[in-house]
């Protein structure tokens, strides 16, 4: 089960709580003069919250993709999705990917 689909324990902070704490840590590190040891501890805590937030978001993304697949019969990446790749079988040769006006100029 992904983190987003697992029930969250009552003592475990929510995504919003983790993100708020991460933002507070960043503000503290940027704006306050704190001892080096304390800064390192805050940085370590921030990295932990960042990893947790990313894991939660990954779980939500998979959940949305699954819901979309169920609704549409398959997933379709949004236009401009940098993570989307054309399957090898669907890729057009380079000449066919060019606009029609440019293809007419080819010998």
PDB file of N, CA and C in Angstrom:
ATOM      1  N   UNK A   1       0.833  -1.188   0.000  1.00  0.00           N
ATOM      2  CA  UNK A   1       0.000   0.000   0.000  1.00  0.00           C
ATOM      3  C   UNK A   1       0.874   1.247   0.000  1.00  0.00           C
ATOM      4  N   UNK A   2       0.503   2.244  -0.772  1.00  0.00           N
ATOM      5  CA  UNK A   2       1.262   3.487  -0.791  1.00  0.00           C
ATOM      6  C   UNK A   2       0.915   4.319   0.430  1.00  0.00           C
ATOM      7  N   UNK A   3       1.792   5.266   0.808  1.00  0.00           N
ATOM      8  CA  UNK A   3       1.525   6.086   1.989  1.00  0.00           C
ATOM      9  C   UNK A   3       0.200   6.827   1.906  1.00  0.00           C
ATOM     10  N   UNK A   4      -0.205   7.245   0.716  1.00  0.00           N
ATOM     11  CA  UNK A   4      -1.447   8.009   0.588  1.00  0.00           C
ATOM     12  C   UNK A   4      -2.670   7.125   0.761  1.00  0.00           C
ATOM     13  N   UNK A   5      -2.545   5.831   0.441  1.00  0.00           N
ATOM     14  CA  UNK A   5      -3.699   4.960   0.545  1.00  0.00           C
ATOM     15  C   UNK A   5      -3.771   4.263   1.897  1.00  0.00           C
ATOM     16  N   UNK A   6      -2.730   4.364   2.705  1.00  0.00           N
ATOM     17  CA  UNK A   6      -2.745   3.770   4.029  1.00  0.00           C
ATOM     18  C   UNK A   6      -3.465   4.696   4.993  1.00  0.00           C
ATOM     19  N   UNK A   7      -4.222   4.123   5.913  1.00  0.00           N
ATOM     20  CA  UNK A   7      -4.837   4.974   6.919  1.00  0.00           C
ATOM     21  C   UNK A   7      -3.755   5.613   7.785  1.00  0.00           C
ATOM     22  N   UNK A   8      -3.939   6.881   8.059  1.00  0.00           N
ATOM     23  CA  UNK A   8      -2.945   7.623   8.824  1.00  0.00           C
ATOM     24  C   UNK A   8      -3.237   7.453  10.309  1.00  0.00           C
ATOM     25  N   UNK A   9      -2.200   7.133  11.074  1.00  0.00           N
ATOM     26  CA  UNK A   9      -2.351   7.018  12.516  1.00  0.00           C
ATOM     27  C   UNK A   9      -2.656   8.398  13.083  1.00  0.00           C
ATOM     28  N   UNK A  10      -3.421   8.454  14.142  1.00  0.00           N
ATOM     29  CA  UNK A  10      -3.808   9.732  14.734  1.00  0.00           C
ATOM     30  C   UNK A  10      -2.596  10.560  15.161  1.00  0.00           C
ATOM     31  N   UNK A  11      -1.523   9.910  15.605  1.00  0.00           N
ATOM     32  CA  UNK A  11      -0.358  10.653  16.078  1.00  0.00           C
ATOM     33  C   UNK A  11       0.540  11.112  14.934  1.00  0.00           C
ATOM     34  N   UNK A  12       0.341  10.570  13.737  1.00  0.00           N
ATOM     35  CA  UNK A  12       1.157  10.923  12.586  1.00  0.00           C
ATOM     36  C   UNK A  12       0.653  12.236  11.981  1.00  0.00           C
ATOM     37  N   UNK A  13       1.561  13.203  11.749  1.00  0.00           N
ATOM     38  CA  UNK A  13       1.114  14.494  11.198  1.00  0.00           C
ATOM     39  C   UNK A  13       0.601  14.356   9.765  1.00  0.00           C
ATOM     40  N   UNK A  14      -0.336  15.210   9.405  1.00  0.00           N
ATOM     41  CA  UNK A  14      -0.893  15.223   8.056  1.00  0.00           C
ATOM     42  C   UNK A  14       0.111  15.862   7.098  1.00  0.00           C
ATOM     43  N   UNK A  15      -0.198  15.756   5.817  1.00  0.00           N
ATOM     44  CA  UNK A  15       0.645  16.403   4.806  1.00  0.00           C
ATOM     45  C   UNK A  15       0.734  17.904   5.074  1.00  0.00           C
ATOM     46  N   UNK A  16      -0.414  18.517   5.333  1.00  0.00           N
ATOM     47  CA  UNK A  16      -0.437  19.964   5.571  1.00  0.00           C
ATOM     48  C   UNK A  16       0.378  20.346   6.801  1.00  0.00           C
ATOM     49  N   UNK A  17       0.315  19.529   7.845  1.00  0.00           N
ATOM     50  CA  UNK A  17       1.093  19.809   9.060  1.00  0.00           C
ATOM     51  C   UNK A  17       2.587  19.676   8.776  1.00  0.00           C
ATOM     52  N   UNK A  18       2.960  18.651   8.015  1.00  0.00           N
ATOM     53  CA  UNK A  18       4.379  18.467   7.665  1.00  0.00           C
ATOM     54  C   UNK A  18       4.884  19.631   6.815  1.00  0.00           C
ATOM     55  N   UNK A  19       4.072  20.027   5.839  1.00  0.00           N
ATOM     56  CA  UNK A  19       4.465  21.126   4.966  1.00  0.00           C
ATOM     57  C   UNK A  19       4.598  22.428   5.751  1.00  0.00           C
ATOM     58  N   UNK A  20       3.662  22.682   6.658  1.00  0.00           N
ATOM     59  CA  UNK A  20       3.728  23.893   7.488  1.00  0.00           C
ATOM     60  C   UNK A  20       4.985  23.884   8.347  1.00  0.00           C
ATOM     61  N   UNK A  21       5.309  22.728   8.923  1.00  0.00           N
ATOM     62  CA  UNK A  21       6.523  22.637   9.753  1.00  0.00           C
ATOM     63  C   UNK A  21       7.761  22.847   8.888  1.00  0.00           C
ATOM     64  N   UNK A  22       7.774  22.279   7.694  1.00  0.00           N
ATOM     65  CA  UNK A  22       8.906  22.465   6.782  1.00  0.00           C
ATOM     66  C   UNK A  22       9.083  23.939   6.441  1.00  0.00           C
ATOM     67  N   UNK A  23       7.993  24.635   6.165  1.00  0.00           N
ATOM     68  CA  UNK A  23       8.066  26.071   5.864  1.00  0.00           C
ATOM     69  C   UNK A  23       8.578  26.856   7.067  1.00  0.00           C
ATOM     70  N   UNK A  24       8.165  26.465   8.268  1.00  0.00           N
ATOM     71  CA  UNK A  24       8.636  27.137   9.480  1.00  0.00           C
ATOM     72  C   UNK A  24      10.132  26.911   9.679  1.00  0.00           C
ATOM     73  N   UNK A  25      10.598  25.709   9.389  1.00  0.00           N
ATOM     74  CA  UNK A  25      12.030  25.406   9.518  1.00  0.00           C
ATOM     75  C   UNK A  25      12.821  26.246   8.534  1.00  0.00           C
ATOM     76  N   UNK A  26      12.356  26.329   7.296  1.00  0.00           N
ATOM     77  CA  UNK A  26      13.046  27.134   6.279  1.00  0.00           C
ATOM     78  C   UNK A  26      13.114  28.590   6.725  1.00  0.00           C
ATOM     79  N   UNK A  27      11.999  29.116   7.212  1.00  0.00           N
ATOM     80  CA  UNK A  27      11.980  30.509   7.681  1.00  0.00           C
ATOM     81  C   UNK A  27      12.940  30.708   8.840  1.00  0.00           C
ATOM     82  N   UNK A  28      12.971  29.761   9.744  1.00  0.00           N
ATOM     83  CA  UNK A  28      13.874  29.857  10.898  1.00  0.00           C
ATOM     84  C   UNK A  28      15.335  29.843  10.449  1.00  0.00           C
ATOM     85  N   UNK A  29      15.655  28.963   9.522  1.00  0.00           N
ATOM     86  CA  UNK A  29      17.035  28.873   9.038  1.00  0.00           C
ATOM     87  C   UNK A  29      17.437  30.120   8.244  1.00  0.00           C
ATOM     88  N   UNK A  30      16.490  30.708   7.533  1.00  0.00           N
ATOM     89  CA  UNK A  30      16.798  31.886   6.717  1.00  0.00           C
ATOM     90  C   UNK A  30      16.845  33.175   7.529  1.00  0.00           C
ATOM     91  N   UNK A  31      16.006  33.297   8.529  1.00  0.00           N
ATOM     92  CA  UNK A  31      15.826  34.582   9.183  1.00  0.00           C
ATOM     93  C   UNK A  31      16.425  34.714  10.570  1.00  0.00           C
ATOM     94  N   UNK A  32      16.726  33.629  11.224  1.00  0.00           N
ATOM     95  CA  UNK A  32      17.211  33.723  12.595  1.00  0.00           C
ATOM     96  C   UNK A  32      18.667  33.308  12.693  1.00  0.00           C
ATOM     97  N   UNK A  33      19.331  33.916  13.647  1.00  0.00           N
ATOM     98  CA  UNK A  33      20.702  33.515  13.939  1.00  0.00           C
ATOM     99  C   UNK A  33      20.624  32.447  15.008  1.00  0.00           C
ATOM    100  N   UNK A  34      20.851  31.218  14.595  1.00  0.00           N
ATOM    101  CA  UNK A  34      20.793  30.113  15.537  1.00  0.00           C
ATOM    102  C   UNK A  34      22.140  29.397  15.536  1.00  0.00           C
ATOM    103  N   UNK A  35      22.469  28.728  16.639  1.00  0.00           N
ATOM    104  CA  UNK A  35      23.744  28.004  16.700  1.00  0.00           C
ATOM    105  C   UNK A  35      23.821  26.933  15.607  1.00  0.00           C
ATOM    106  N   UNK A  36      25.028  26.622  15.207  1.00  0.00           N
ATOM    107  CA  UNK A  36      25.254  25.660  14.130  1.00  0.00           C
ATOM    108  C   UNK A  36      24.605  24.315  14.435  1.00  0.00           C
ATOM    109  N   UNK A  37      24.786  23.820  15.637  1.00  0.00           N
ATOM    110  CA  UNK A  37      24.198  22.520  16.003  1.00  0.00           C
ATOM    111  C   UNK A  37      22.682  22.537  15.846  1.00  0.00           C
ATOM    112  N   UNK A  38      22.051  23.596  16.294  1.00  0.00           N
ATOM    113  CA  UNK A  38      20.603  23.727  16.168  1.00  0.00           C
ATOM    114  C   UNK A  38      20.202  23.807  14.697  1.00  0.00           C
ATOM    115  N   UNK A  39      20.969  24.539  13.908  1.00  0.00           N
ATOM    116  CA  UNK A  39      20.686  24.663  12.472  1.00  0.00           C
ATOM    117  C   UNK A  39      20.763  23.300  11.791  1.00  0.00           C
ATOM    118  N   UNK A  40      21.756  22.501  12.151  1.00  0.00           N
ATOM    119  CA  UNK A  40      21.909  21.172  11.564  1.00  0.00           C
ATOM    120  C   UNK A  40      20.716  20.292  11.957  1.00  0.00           C
ATOM    121  N   UNK A  41      20.295  20.380  13.221  1.00  0.00           N
ATOM    122  CA  UNK A  41      19.141  19.605  13.678  1.00  0.00           C
ATOM    123  C   UNK A  41      17.883  20.010  12.915  1.00  0.00           C
ATOM    124  N   UNK A  42      17.691  21.311  12.736  1.00  0.00           N
ATOM    125  CA  UNK A  42      16.507  21.793  12.002  1.00  0.00           C
ATOM    126  C   UNK A  42      16.571  21.338  10.548  1.00  0.00           C
ATOM    127  N   UNK A  43      17.763  21.409   9.952  1.00  0.00           N
ATOM    128  CA  UNK A  43      17.938  20.975   8.569  1.00  0.00           C
ATOM    129  C   UNK A  43      17.588  19.490   8.437  1.00  0.00           C
ATOM    130  N   UNK A  44      18.074  18.683   9.365  1.00  0.00           N
ATOM    131  CA  UNK A  44      17.788  17.256   9.352  1.00  0.00           C
ATOM    132  C   UNK A  44      16.283  17.011   9.494  1.00  0.00           C
ATOM    133  N   UNK A  45      15.640  17.736  10.372  1.00  0.00           N
ATOM    134  CA  UNK A  45      14.189  17.610  10.538  1.00  0.00           C
ATOM    135  C   UNK A  45      13.478  18.014   9.248  1.00  0.00           C
ATOM    136  N   UNK A  46      13.946  19.082   8.618  1.00  0.00           N
ATOM    137  CA  UNK A  46      13.353  19.549   7.368  1.00  0.00           C
ATOM    138  C   UNK A  46      13.475  18.522   6.263  1.00  0.00           C
ATOM    139  N   UNK A  47      14.636  17.882   6.156  1.00  0.00           N
ATOM    140  CA  UNK A  47      14.831  16.848   5.140  1.00  0.00           C
ATOM    141  C   UNK A  47      13.868  15.689   5.381  1.00  0.00           C
ATOM    142  N   UNK A  48      13.671  15.340   6.623  1.00  0.00           N
ATOM    143  CA  UNK A  48      12.731  14.274   6.967  1.00  0.00           C
ATOM    144  C   UNK A  48      11.304  14.638   6.534  1.00  0.00           C
ATOM    145  N   UNK A  49      10.888  15.868   6.828  1.00  0.00           N
ATOM    146  CA  UNK A  49       9.544  16.311   6.418  1.00  0.00           C
ATOM    147  C   UNK A  49       9.432  16.369   4.892  1.00  0.00           C
ATOM    148  N   UNK A  50      10.484  16.806   4.223  1.00  0.00           N
ATOM    149  CA  UNK A  50      10.471  16.870   2.761  1.00  0.00           C
ATOM    150  C   UNK A  50      10.290  15.482   2.159  1.00  0.00           C
ATOM    151  N   UNK A  51      11.038  14.500   2.657  1.00  0.00           N
ATOM    152  CA  UNK A  51      10.910  13.125   2.163  1.00  0.00           C
ATOM    153  C   UNK A  51       9.496  12.600   2.391  1.00  0.00           C
ATOM    154  N   UNK A  52       8.948  12.866   3.558  1.00  0.00           N
ATOM    155  CA  UNK A  52       7.588  12.417   3.867  1.00  0.00           C
ATOM    156  C   UNK A  52       6.578  13.066   2.935  1.00  0.00           C
ATOM    157  N   UNK A  53       6.719  14.367   2.712  1.00  0.00           N
ATOM    158  CA  UNK A  53       5.789  15.079   1.826  1.00  0.00           C
ATOM    159  C   UNK A  53       5.860  14.523   0.408  1.00  0.00           C
ATOM    160  N   UNK A  54       7.069  14.263  -0.073  1.00  0.00           N
ATOM    161  CA  UNK A  54       7.220  13.704  -1.423  1.00  0.00           C
ATOM    162  C   UNK A  54       6.581  12.329  -1.517  1.00  0.00           C
ATOM    163  N   UNK A  55       6.776  11.502  -0.491  1.00  0.00           N
ATOM    164  CA  UNK A  55       6.186  10.160  -0.492  1.00  0.00           C
ATOM    165  C   UNK A  55       4.657  10.247  -0.497  1.00  0.00           C
ATOM    166  N   UNK A  56       4.114  11.153   0.296  1.00  0.00           N
ATOM    167  CA  UNK A  56       2.663  11.334   0.339  1.00  0.00           C
ATOM    168  C   UNK A  56       2.153  11.797  -1.021  1.00  0.00           C
ATOM    169  N   UNK A  57       2.837  12.770  -1.629  1.00  0.00           N
ATOM    170  CA  UNK A  57       2.421  13.264  -2.950  1.00  0.00           C
ATOM    171  C   UNK A  57       2.506  12.171  -4.005  1.00  0.00           C
ATOM    172  N   UNK A  58       3.556  11.352  -3.963  1.00  0.00           N
ATOM    173  CA  UNK A  58       3.671  10.237  -4.909  1.00  0.00           C
ATOM    174  C   UNK A  58       2.484   9.285  -4.763  1.00  0.00           C
ATOM    175  N   UNK A  59       2.118   9.027  -3.514  1.00  0.00           N
ATOM    176  CA  UNK A  59       0.965   8.164  -3.272  1.00  0.00           C
ATOM    177  C   UNK A  59      -0.316   8.761  -3.813  1.00  0.00           C
ATOM    178  N   UNK A  60      -0.499  10.063  -3.614  1.00  0.00           N
ATOM    179  CA  UNK A  60      -1.692  10.732  -4.135  1.00  0.00           C
ATOM    180  C   UNK A  60      -1.702  10.718  -5.660  1.00  0.00           C
ATOM    181  N   UNK A  61      -0.531  10.926  -6.262  1.00  0.00           N
ATOM    182  CA  UNK A  61      -0.458  10.917  -7.726  1.00  0.00           C
ATOM    183  C   UNK A  61      -0.870   9.543  -8.257  1.00  0.00           C
ATOM    184  N   UNK A  62      -0.372   8.485  -7.647  1.00  0.00           N
ATOM    185  CA  UNK A  62      -0.740   7.136  -8.084  1.00  0.00           C
ATOM    186  C   UNK A  62      -2.232   6.895  -7.890  1.00  0.00           C
ATOM    187  N   UNK A  63      -2.762   7.413  -6.810  1.00  0.00           N
ATOM    188  CA  UNK A  63      -4.186   7.255  -6.536  1.00  0.00           C
ATOM    189  C   UNK A  63      -5.033   7.968  -7.596  1.00  0.00           C
ATOM    190  N   UNK A  64      -4.629   9.192  -7.954  1.00  0.00           N
ATOM    191  CA  UNK A  64      -5.353   9.948  -8.985  1.00  0.00           C
ATOM    192  C   UNK A  64      -5.238   9.239 -10.334  1.00  0.00           C
ATOM    193  N   UNK A  65      -4.054   8.731 -10.653  1.00  0.00           N
ATOM    194  CA  UNK A  65      -3.876   8.008 -11.916  1.00  0.00           C
ATOM    195  C   UNK A  65      -4.778   6.777 -11.953  1.00  0.00           C
ATOM    196  N   UNK A  66      -4.874   6.068 -10.832  1.00  0.00           N
ATOM    197  CA  UNK A  66      -5.729   4.885 -10.780  1.00  0.00           C
ATOM    198  C   UNK A  66      -7.197   5.280 -10.945  1.00  0.00           C
ATOM    199  N   UNK A  67      -7.602   6.337 -10.271  1.00  0.00           N
ATOM    200  CA  UNK A  67      -8.978   6.799 -10.411  1.00  0.00           C
ATOM    201  C   UNK A  67      -9.279   7.227 -11.840  1.00  0.00           C
ATOM    202  N   UNK A  68      -8.325   7.903 -12.475  1.00  0.00           N
ATOM    203  CA  UNK A  68      -8.495   8.319 -13.867  1.00  0.00           C
ATOM    204  C   UNK A  68      -8.579   7.111 -14.783  1.00  0.00           C
ATOM    205  N   UNK A  69      -7.742   6.120 -14.520  1.00  0.00           N
ATOM    206  CA  UNK A  69      -7.750   4.911 -15.338  1.00  0.00           C
ATOM    207  C   UNK A  69      -9.087   4.195 -15.200  1.00  0.00           C
ATOM    208  N   UNK A  70      -9.604   4.144 -13.996  1.00  0.00           N
ATOM    209  CA  UNK A  70     -10.899   3.502 -13.778  1.00  0.00           C
ATOM    210  C   UNK A  70     -12.015   4.258 -14.505  1.00  0.00           C
ATOM    211  N   UNK A  71     -11.926   5.589 -14.500  1.00  0.00           N
ATOM    212  CA  UNK A  71     -12.967   6.410 -15.113  1.00  0.00           C
ATOM    213  C   UNK A  71     -12.871   6.427 -16.636  1.00  0.00           C
ATOM    214  N   UNK A  72     -11.664   6.400 -17.167  1.00  0.00           N
ATOM    215  CA  UNK A  72     -11.457   6.551 -18.606  1.00  0.00           C
ATOM    216  C   UNK A  72     -11.085   5.260 -19.309  1.00  0.00           C
ATOM    217  N   UNK A  73     -10.831   4.221 -18.572  1.00  0.00           N
ATOM    218  CA  UNK A  73     -10.413   2.983 -19.191  1.00  0.00           C
ATOM    219  C   UNK A  73      -8.919   2.952 -19.479  1.00  0.00           C
ATOM    220  N   UNK A  74      -8.185   3.919 -19.031  1.00  0.00           N
ATOM    221  CA  UNK A  74      -6.742   3.998 -19.216  1.00  0.00           C
ATOM    222  C   UNK A  74      -6.258   5.368 -18.825  1.00  0.00           C
ATOM    223  N   UNK A  75      -4.989   5.483 -18.492  1.00  0.00           N
ATOM    224  CA  UNK A  75      -4.468   6.792 -18.099  1.00  0.00           C
ATOM    225  C   UNK A  75      -4.007   7.556 -19.321  1.00  0.00           C
ATOM    226  N   UNK A  76      -4.214   8.843 -19.287  1.00  0.00           N
ATOM    227  CA  UNK A  76      -3.761   9.735 -20.330  1.00  0.00           C
ATOM    228  C   UNK A  76      -3.023  10.871 -19.657  1.00  0.00           C
ATOM    229  N   UNK A  77      -1.718  11.008 -19.911  1.00  0.00           N
ATOM    230  CA  UNK A  77      -0.991  12.108 -19.279  1.00  0.00           C
ATOM    231  C   UNK A  77      -1.504  13.451 -19.788  1.00  0.00           C
ATOM    232  N   UNK A  78      -1.413  14.454 -18.939  1.00  0.00           N
ATOM    233  CA  UNK A  78      -1.826  15.788 -19.357  1.00  0.00           C
ATOM    234  C   UNK A  78      -0.835  16.346 -20.359  1.00  0.00           C
ATOM    235  N   UNK A  79      -1.276  17.285 -21.172  1.00  0.00           N
ATOM    236  CA  UNK A  79      -0.415  17.876 -22.199  1.00  0.00           C
ATOM    237  C   UNK A  79       0.783  18.536 -21.539  1.00  0.00           C
ATOM    238  N   UNK A  80       1.960  18.219 -22.006  1.00  0.00           N
ATOM    239  CA  UNK A  80       3.177  18.812 -21.471  1.00  0.00           C
ATOM    240  C   UNK A  80       3.725  18.089 -20.260  1.00  0.00           C
ATOM    241  N   UNK A  81       3.183  16.920 -19.907  1.00  0.00           N
ATOM    242  CA  UNK A  81       3.676  16.159 -18.760  1.00  0.00           C
ATOM    243  C   UNK A  81       5.105  15.721 -19.035  1.00  0.00           C
ATOM    244  N   UNK A  82       6.072  16.206 -18.252  1.00  0.00           N
ATOM    245  CA  UNK A  82       7.468  15.862 -18.514  1.00  0.00           C
ATOM    246  C   UNK A  82       7.780  14.401 -18.215  1.00  0.00           C
ATOM    247  N   UNK A  83       6.936  13.733 -17.427  1.00  0.00           N
ATOM    248  CA  UNK A  83       7.167  12.339 -17.091  1.00  0.00           C
ATOM    249  C   UNK A  83       6.557  11.381 -18.106  1.00  0.00           C
ATOM    250  N   UNK A  84       5.726  11.907 -18.981  1.00  0.00           N
ATOM    251  CA  UNK A  84       5.056  11.055 -19.957  1.00  0.00           C
ATOM    252  C   UNK A  84       5.992  10.765 -21.120  1.00  0.00           C
ATOM    253  N   UNK A  85       5.960   9.524 -21.550  1.00  0.00           N
ATOM    254  CA  UNK A  85       6.748   9.136 -22.714  1.00  0.00           C
ATOM    255  C   UNK A  85       5.833   8.416 -23.686  1.00  0.00           C
ATOM    256  N   UNK A  86       6.103   8.620 -24.962  1.00  0.00           N
ATOM    257  CA  UNK A  86       5.345   7.898 -25.967  1.00  0.00           C
ATOM    258  C   UNK A  86       5.844   6.459 -25.982  1.00  0.00           C
ATOM    259  N   UNK A  87       4.937   5.493 -26.024  1.00  0.00           N
ATOM    260  CA  UNK A  87       5.394   4.109 -26.190  1.00  0.00           C
ATOM    261  C   UNK A  87       6.141   3.981 -27.509  1.00  0.00           C
ATOM    262  N   UNK A  88       7.133   3.143 -27.542  1.00  0.00           N
ATOM    263  CA  UNK A  88       7.979   2.975 -28.728  1.00  0.00           C
ATOM    264  C   UNK A  88       7.150   2.663 -29.961  1.00  0.00           C
ATOM    265  N   UNK A  89       6.120   1.853 -29.825  1.00  0.00           N
ATOM    266  CA  UNK A  89       5.300   1.463 -30.974  1.00  0.00           C
ATOM    267  C   UNK A  89       4.510   2.643 -31.539  1.00  0.00           C
ATOM    268  N   UNK A  90       4.213   3.644 -30.703  1.00  0.00           N
ATOM    269  CA  UNK A  90       3.409   4.779 -31.162  1.00  0.00           C
ATOM    270  C   UNK A  90       4.259   5.942 -31.673  1.00  0.00           C
ATOM    271  N   UNK A  91       5.554   5.891 -31.494  1.00  0.00           N
ATOM    272  CA  UNK A  91       6.407   6.987 -31.939  1.00  0.00           C
ATOM    273  C   UNK A  91       6.424   7.062 -33.449  1.00  0.00           C
ATOM    274  N   UNK A  92       6.311   8.269 -33.950  1.00  0.00           N
ATOM    275  CA  UNK A  92       6.352   8.489 -35.390  1.00  0.00           C
ATOM    276  C   UNK A  92       7.801   8.743 -35.791  1.00  0.00           C
ATOM    277  N   UNK A  93       8.138   8.381 -37.000  1.00  0.00           N
ATOM    278  CA  UNK A  93       9.477   8.724 -37.483  1.00  0.00           C
ATOM    279  C   UNK A  93       9.655  10.238 -37.480  1.00  0.00           C
ATOM    280  N   UNK A  94      10.874  10.680 -37.382  1.00  0.00           N
ATOM    281  CA  UNK A  94      11.195  12.115 -37.272  1.00  0.00           C
ATOM    282  C   UNK A  94      10.528  12.925 -38.381  1.00  0.00           C
ATOM    283  N   UNK A  95      10.535  12.427 -39.603  1.00  0.00           N
ATOM    284  CA  UNK A  95       9.952  13.170 -40.729  1.00  0.00           C
ATOM    285  C   UNK A  95       8.454  13.374 -40.541  1.00  0.00           C
ATOM    286  N   UNK A  96       7.776  12.412 -39.923  1.00  0.00           N
ATOM    287  CA  UNK A  96       6.340  12.532 -39.734  1.00  0.00           C
ATOM    288  C   UNK A  96       5.982  13.451 -38.579  1.00  0.00           C
ATOM    289  N   UNK A  97       6.923  13.730 -37.673  1.00  0.00           N
ATOM    290  CA  UNK A  97       6.651  14.611 -36.542  1.00  0.00           C
ATOM    291  C   UNK A  97       6.743  16.075 -36.923  1.00  0.00           C
ATOM    292  N   UNK A  98       7.340  16.381 -38.061  1.00  0.00           N
ATOM    293  CA  UNK A  98       7.487  17.763 -38.493  1.00  0.00           C
ATOM    294  C   UNK A  98       6.146  18.276 -39.002  1.00  0.00           C
ATOM    295  N   UNK A  99       5.924  19.578 -38.912  1.00  0.00           N
ATOM    296  CA  UNK A  99       4.688  20.143 -39.461  1.00  0.00           C
ATOM    297  C   UNK A  99       4.538  19.806 -40.935  1.00  0.00           C
ATOM    298  N   UNK A 100       3.312  19.763 -41.406  1.00  0.00           N
ATOM    299  CA  UNK A 100       3.027  19.350 -42.776  1.00  0.00           C
ATOM    300  C   UNK A 100       3.776  20.190 -43.801  1.00  0.00           C
ATOM    301  N   UNK A 101       3.876  21.504 -43.577  1.00  0.00           N
ATOM    302  CA  UNK A 101       4.564  22.382 -44.539  1.00  0.00           C
ATOM    303  C   UNK A 101       6.021  21.985 -44.684  1.00  0.00           C
ATOM    304  N   UNK A 102       6.667  21.582 -43.604  1.00  0.00           N
ATOM    305  CA  UNK A 102       8.063  21.179 -43.667  1.00  0.00           C
ATOM    306  C   UNK A 102       8.201  19.821 -44.339  1.00  0.00           C
ATOM    307  N   UNK A 103       7.224  18.908 -44.139  1.00  0.00           N
ATOM    308  CA  UNK A 103       7.310  17.585 -44.748  1.00  0.00           C
ATOM    309  C   UNK A 103       7.230  17.659 -46.265  1.00  0.00           C
ATOM    310  N   UNK A 104       6.476  18.634 -46.779  1.00  0.00           N
ATOM    311  CA  UNK A 104       6.332  18.767 -48.233  1.00  0.00           C
ATOM    312  C   UNK A 104       7.647  19.164 -48.893  1.00  0.00           C
ATOM    313  N   UNK A 105       8.543  19.807 -48.126  1.00  0.00           N
ATOM    314  CA  UNK A 105       9.818  20.241 -48.678  1.00  0.00           C
ATOM    315  C   UNK A 105      10.795  19.083 -48.801  1.00  0.00           C
ATOM    316  N   UNK A 106      10.534  17.979 -48.082  1.00  0.00           N
ATOM    317  CA  UNK A 106      11.449  16.838 -48.142  1.00  0.00           C
ATOM    318  C   UNK A 106      11.389  16.171 -49.495  1.00  0.00           C
ATOM    319  N   UNK A 107      12.538  15.685 -50.003  1.00  0.00           N
ATOM    320  CA  UNK A 107      12.537  15.026 -51.331  1.00  0.00           C
ATOM    321  C   UNK A 107      11.828  13.709 -51.285  1.00  0.00           C
TER     322      UNK A 107
END
